[in-house]
Amino acid sequence: MAHEPDILLVEDNPTDAELTERALKKGGFGDRVTIVRDGAEALDYLFAKGTFAHRVVENRPKVVFLDLKLPKVDGIEVLRRVREDERLRSVPVVVLTSSQEGRC
């Protein structure tokens, strides 16, 4: 059986993805990360569809880092689909988001 990464990082911003990946590497998790760039790709990965059809869907990531503001399918929809699926609902999801709004 092929090694399945422990962490799925769903992030469309290359800089944010790089910073997160660097922090995970520093923590010893760098070789256990898969990065996808939008919500549709995240769903394909999690449900073993499209370019990820070779995956065994039961081999779940141990944690998902999920950006909310994603192209194609937003993070809220990805989270909803994960929580609706019996195989995935127990996977911890860490929600990431950023804001360009100034502080008061």
Protein backbone atom coordinates (compact mmCIF):
# COMPACT_ATOMS: atom_id res chain seq x y z
CA MET A 1 0.00 0.00 0.00
CA ALA A 2 1.33 3.44 -0.91
CA HIS A 3 2.05 5.96 1.81
CA GLU A 4 -0.81 8.39 2.28
CA PRO A 5 0.07 11.86 3.55
CA ASP A 6 -1.11 12.72 7.03
CA ILE A 7 -1.96 16.34 6.25
CA LEU A 8 -4.06 17.86 3.50
CA LEU A 9 -3.44 21.57 2.99
CA VAL A 10 -6.13 23.33 0.94
CA GLU A 11 -4.75 26.75 0.04
CA ASP A 12 -4.97 28.76 -3.18
CA ASN A 13 -2.47 31.47 -2.21
CA PRO A 14 1.06 30.22 -3.07
CA THR A 15 2.70 32.41 -0.41
CA ASP A 16 0.36 31.20 2.34
CA ALA A 17 0.80 27.60 1.20
CA GLU A 18 4.59 27.98 1.28
CA LEU A 19 4.57 29.54 4.75
CA THR A 20 2.30 26.81 6.11
CA GLU A 21 4.35 24.08 4.49
CA ARG A 22 7.56 25.61 5.90
CA ALA A 23 6.06 25.63 9.41
CA LEU A 24 4.96 22.00 9.01
CA LYS A 25 8.46 21.02 7.82
CA LYS A 26 9.97 22.77 10.81
CA GLY A 27 7.66 20.68 12.99
CA GLY A 28 8.77 17.47 11.28
CA PHE A 29 5.70 16.97 9.08
CA GLY A 30 7.00 18.25 5.74
CA ASP A 31 7.10 14.92 3.94
CA ARG A 32 3.56 14.11 5.02
CA VAL A 33 1.73 17.01 3.35
CA THR A 34 -0.37 17.11 0.20
CA ILE A 35 -1.27 20.57 -1.11
CA VAL A 36 -4.31 21.25 -3.28
CA ARG A 37 -5.13 24.69 -4.70
CA ASP A 38 -8.93 24.94 -4.76
CA GLY A 39 -12.10 23.50 -3.28
CA ALA A 40 -12.86 21.27 -6.26
CA GLU A 41 -9.40 19.71 -6.08
CA ALA A 42 -9.84 19.21 -2.32
CA LEU A 43 -13.10 17.34 -2.86
CA ASP A 44 -11.49 15.24 -5.61
CA TYR A 45 -8.68 14.33 -3.20
CA LEU A 46 -10.96 13.57 -0.26
CA PHE A 47 -13.44 11.52 -2.31
CA ALA A 48 -10.81 9.89 -4.58
CA LYS A 49 -12.13 11.35 -7.85
CA GLY A 50 -10.57 12.94 -10.94
CA THR A 51 -6.77 13.09 -10.77
CA PHE A 52 -6.95 11.43 -7.33
CA ALA A 53 -9.06 8.46 -8.44
CA HIS A 54 -6.12 6.16 -7.62
CA ARG A 55 -6.45 6.97 -3.90
CA VAL A 56 -8.30 4.74 -1.50
CA VAL A 57 -10.90 7.05 0.03
CA GLU A 58 -10.75 5.19 3.35
CA ASN A 59 -7.10 6.33 3.72
CA ARG A 60 -8.09 9.65 5.21
CA PRO A 61 -5.68 12.44 6.09
CA LYS A 62 -5.18 12.82 9.83
CA VAL A 63 -5.93 16.55 9.58
CA VAL A 64 -7.09 19.03 6.94
CA PHE A 65 -5.93 22.66 6.92
CA LEU A 66 -8.69 24.40 4.96
CA ASP A 67 -8.73 27.94 3.62
CA LEU A 68 -12.27 29.33 3.50
CA LYS A 69 -11.77 31.66 0.53
CA LEU A 70 -11.13 29.26 -2.35
CA PRO A 71 -11.80 29.31 -6.09
CA LYS A 72 -14.27 26.90 -7.75
CA VAL A 73 -15.75 25.53 -4.49
CA ASP A 74 -15.45 27.57 -1.31
CA GLY A 75 -14.13 26.21 1.96
CA ILE A 76 -17.54 26.23 3.65
CA GLU A 77 -18.86 23.84 1.00
CA VAL A 78 -15.80 21.60 1.34
CA LEU A 79 -16.33 21.50 5.12
CA ARG A 80 -20.04 20.74 4.68
CA ARG A 81 -19.28 17.82 2.36
CA VAL A 82 -16.64 16.45 4.74
CA ARG A 83 -19.02 16.58 7.70
CA GLU A 84 -21.82 14.91 5.73
CA ASP A 85 -19.67 11.93 4.77
CA GLU A 86 -19.53 9.07 7.28
CA ARG A 87 -15.95 8.17 6.27
CA LEU A 88 -14.61 11.72 6.68
CA ARG A 89 -16.63 13.40 9.42
CA SER A 90 -14.17 12.41 12.17
CA VAL A 91 -11.20 14.04 10.37
CA PRO A 92 -10.19 17.23 12.20
CA VAL A 93 -10.43 20.33 10.00
CA VAL A 94 -8.47 23.45 10.90
CA VAL A 95 -10.05 26.45 9.20
CA LEU A 96 -7.66 29.06 7.83
CA THR A 97 -8.66 32.46 6.58
CA SER A 98 -7.17 35.88 6.15
CA SER A 99 -8.52 39.35 5.86
CA GLN A 100 -7.26 42.45 4.14
CA GLU A 101 -9.43 44.59 6.38
CA GLY A 102 -7.62 46.96 8.72
CA ARG A 103 -7.95 46.74 12.46
CA CYS A 104 -9.85 49.34 14.42
